[in-house]
Amino acid sequence: MAAGIGVHVEALAFFASSGLALLMAGALVQHAKLRHPVGKSIPAAVVLLGGV
C-alpha cells in the first residue's frame, strides 16, 4: 500500500515505483521457480511493465 500511495507523491514516485518494480520482478522469479502456469504470473508482469 505504501508503494501505491508513494507513486502519487511526486517526491517519492521514483523510489516507490522502483521498489514496486523490484517486488514484481521477484514475484515473476518465484512464479518461474515454482513452475506455476503462465496465467498466474500475468498480474505481476502487468504491474512490472505498467511503470515503463
N, C-alpha and C. Protein backbone atom coordinates (compact mmCIF):
# COMPACT_ATOMS: atom_id res chain seq x y z
N MET A 1 0.82 -1.18 0.00
CA MET A 1 0.00 0.00 0.00
C MET A 1 0.87 1.25 0.00
N ALA A 2 2.00 1.18 0.67
CA ALA A 2 2.88 2.35 0.72
C ALA A 2 3.38 2.70 -0.67
N ALA A 3 3.70 1.70 -1.48
CA ALA A 3 4.16 1.97 -2.85
C ALA A 3 3.03 2.56 -3.68
N GLY A 4 1.83 2.09 -3.49
CA GLY A 4 0.69 2.63 -4.21
C GLY A 4 0.44 4.08 -3.89
N ILE A 5 0.60 4.44 -2.64
CA ILE A 5 0.45 5.84 -2.24
C ILE A 5 1.66 6.64 -2.69
N GLY A 6 2.84 6.04 -2.57
CA GLY A 6 4.08 6.73 -2.91
C GLY A 6 4.18 7.14 -4.37
N VAL A 7 3.60 6.36 -5.27
CA VAL A 7 3.68 6.74 -6.69
C VAL A 7 2.87 7.99 -7.00
N HIS A 8 1.97 8.38 -6.10
CA HIS A 8 1.17 9.59 -6.31
C HIS A 8 1.77 10.81 -5.63
N VAL A 9 2.82 10.61 -4.85
CA VAL A 9 3.51 11.73 -4.21
C VAL A 9 4.76 12.00 -5.04
N GLU A 10 4.84 13.18 -5.62
CA GLU A 10 5.89 13.47 -6.59
C GLU A 10 7.29 13.24 -6.04
N ALA A 11 7.53 13.59 -4.81
CA ALA A 11 8.86 13.44 -4.22
C ALA A 11 9.25 11.98 -4.00
N LEU A 12 8.27 11.10 -3.91
CA LEU A 12 8.53 9.69 -3.62
C LEU A 12 8.29 8.77 -4.81
N ALA A 13 7.80 9.30 -5.91
CA ALA A 13 7.36 8.47 -7.03
C ALA A 13 8.46 7.57 -7.57
N PHE A 14 9.66 8.09 -7.74
CA PHE A 14 10.75 7.28 -8.28
C PHE A 14 11.06 6.12 -7.36
N PHE A 15 11.19 6.37 -6.08
CA PHE A 15 11.55 5.33 -5.12
C PHE A 15 10.44 4.30 -4.96
N ALA A 16 9.21 4.76 -4.94
CA ALA A 16 8.08 3.85 -4.80
C ALA A 16 7.95 2.95 -6.02
N SER A 17 8.09 3.52 -7.21
CA SER A 17 7.96 2.71 -8.42
C SER A 17 9.14 1.77 -8.58
N SER A 18 10.32 2.18 -8.15
CA SER A 18 11.49 1.29 -8.20
C SER A 18 11.30 0.10 -7.26
N GLY A 19 10.81 0.36 -6.08
CA GLY A 19 10.55 -0.71 -5.12
C GLY A 19 9.48 -1.66 -5.61
N LEU A 20 8.45 -1.10 -6.22
CA LEU A 20 7.37 -1.93 -6.75
C LEU A 20 7.87 -2.79 -7.91
N ALA A 21 8.73 -2.23 -8.75
CA ALA A 21 9.29 -2.99 -9.87
C ALA A 21 10.15 -4.14 -9.36
N LEU A 22 10.96 -3.90 -8.33
CA LEU A 22 11.78 -4.97 -7.76
C LEU A 22 10.91 -6.06 -7.14
N LEU A 23 9.85 -5.66 -6.48
CA LEU A 23 8.94 -6.62 -5.87
C LEU A 23 8.28 -7.51 -6.93
N MET A 24 7.82 -6.90 -8.02
CA MET A 24 7.17 -7.66 -9.09
C MET A 24 8.16 -8.53 -9.86
N ALA A 25 9.39 -8.07 -10.01
CA ALA A 25 10.41 -8.91 -10.64
C ALA A 25 10.66 -10.14 -9.78
N GLY A 26 10.71 -9.95 -8.49
CA GLY A 26 10.86 -11.08 -7.58
C GLY A 26 9.68 -12.04 -7.65
N ALA A 27 8.49 -11.49 -7.80
CA ALA A 27 7.29 -12.33 -7.93
C ALA A 27 7.36 -13.18 -9.19
N LEU A 28 7.83 -12.58 -10.29
CA LEU A 28 7.96 -13.34 -11.54
C LEU A 28 9.00 -14.45 -11.40
N VAL A 29 10.09 -14.17 -10.71
CA VAL A 29 11.12 -15.19 -10.49
C VAL A 29 10.54 -16.34 -9.67
N GLN A 30 9.78 -16.02 -8.65
CA GLN A 30 9.18 -17.06 -7.82
C GLN A 30 8.17 -17.89 -8.60
N HIS A 31 7.37 -17.25 -9.44
CA HIS A 31 6.41 -18.00 -10.27
C HIS A 31 7.16 -18.98 -11.18
N ALA A 32 8.25 -18.52 -11.76
CA ALA A 32 9.04 -19.39 -12.64
C ALA A 32 9.69 -20.52 -11.85
N LYS A 33 10.19 -20.18 -10.68
CA LYS A 33 10.88 -21.16 -9.84
C LYS A 33 9.92 -22.26 -9.38
N LEU A 34 8.70 -21.88 -9.09
CA LEU A 34 7.69 -22.84 -8.62
C LEU A 34 6.92 -23.49 -9.77
N ARG A 35 7.28 -23.11 -10.99
CA ARG A 35 6.68 -23.68 -12.21
C ARG A 35 5.16 -23.52 -12.26
N HIS A 36 4.72 -22.33 -11.88
CA HIS A 36 3.30 -22.02 -11.98
C HIS A 36 2.94 -21.82 -13.45
N PRO A 37 1.67 -22.02 -13.80
CA PRO A 37 1.25 -21.72 -15.17
C PRO A 37 1.46 -20.23 -15.47
N VAL A 38 1.68 -19.92 -16.73
CA VAL A 38 1.96 -18.54 -17.14
C VAL A 38 0.83 -17.60 -16.72
N GLY A 39 -0.38 -18.08 -16.74
CA GLY A 39 -1.53 -17.24 -16.38
C GLY A 39 -1.46 -16.68 -14.97
N LYS A 40 -0.81 -17.39 -14.07
CA LYS A 40 -0.70 -16.90 -12.70
C LYS A 40 0.30 -15.77 -12.56
N SER A 41 1.22 -15.64 -13.52
CA SER A 41 2.23 -14.59 -13.41
C SER A 41 1.86 -13.33 -14.20
N ILE A 42 0.75 -13.36 -14.90
CA ILE A 42 0.34 -12.21 -15.71
C ILE A 42 0.12 -10.95 -14.86
N PRO A 43 -0.55 -11.03 -13.71
CA PRO A 43 -0.73 -9.79 -12.93
C PRO A 43 0.60 -9.15 -12.51
N ALA A 44 1.56 -9.95 -12.11
CA ALA A 44 2.87 -9.41 -11.74
C ALA A 44 3.56 -8.77 -12.94
N ALA A 45 3.45 -9.39 -14.10
CA ALA A 45 4.06 -8.84 -15.30
C ALA A 45 3.40 -7.53 -15.72
N VAL A 46 2.09 -7.45 -15.57
CA VAL A 46 1.37 -6.22 -15.93
C VAL A 46 1.79 -5.06 -15.03
N VAL A 47 1.89 -5.34 -13.73
CA VAL A 47 2.30 -4.28 -12.80
C VAL A 47 3.74 -3.88 -13.05
N LEU A 48 4.59 -4.86 -13.34
CA LEU A 48 6.00 -4.57 -13.63
C LEU A 48 6.14 -3.71 -14.88
N LEU A 49 5.41 -4.05 -15.93
CA LEU A 49 5.51 -3.30 -17.18
C LEU A 49 4.67 -2.03 -17.17
N GLY A 50 3.77 -1.91 -16.24
CA GLY A 50 2.94 -0.72 -16.15
C GLY A 50 3.71 0.54 -15.80
N GLY A 51 4.84 0.38 -15.16
CA GLY A 51 5.64 1.53 -14.78
C GLY A 51 6.58 1.99 -15.86
N VAL A 52 6.65 1.27 -16.96
CA VAL A 52 7.59 1.61 -18.03
C VAL A 52 7.08 2.73 -18.89
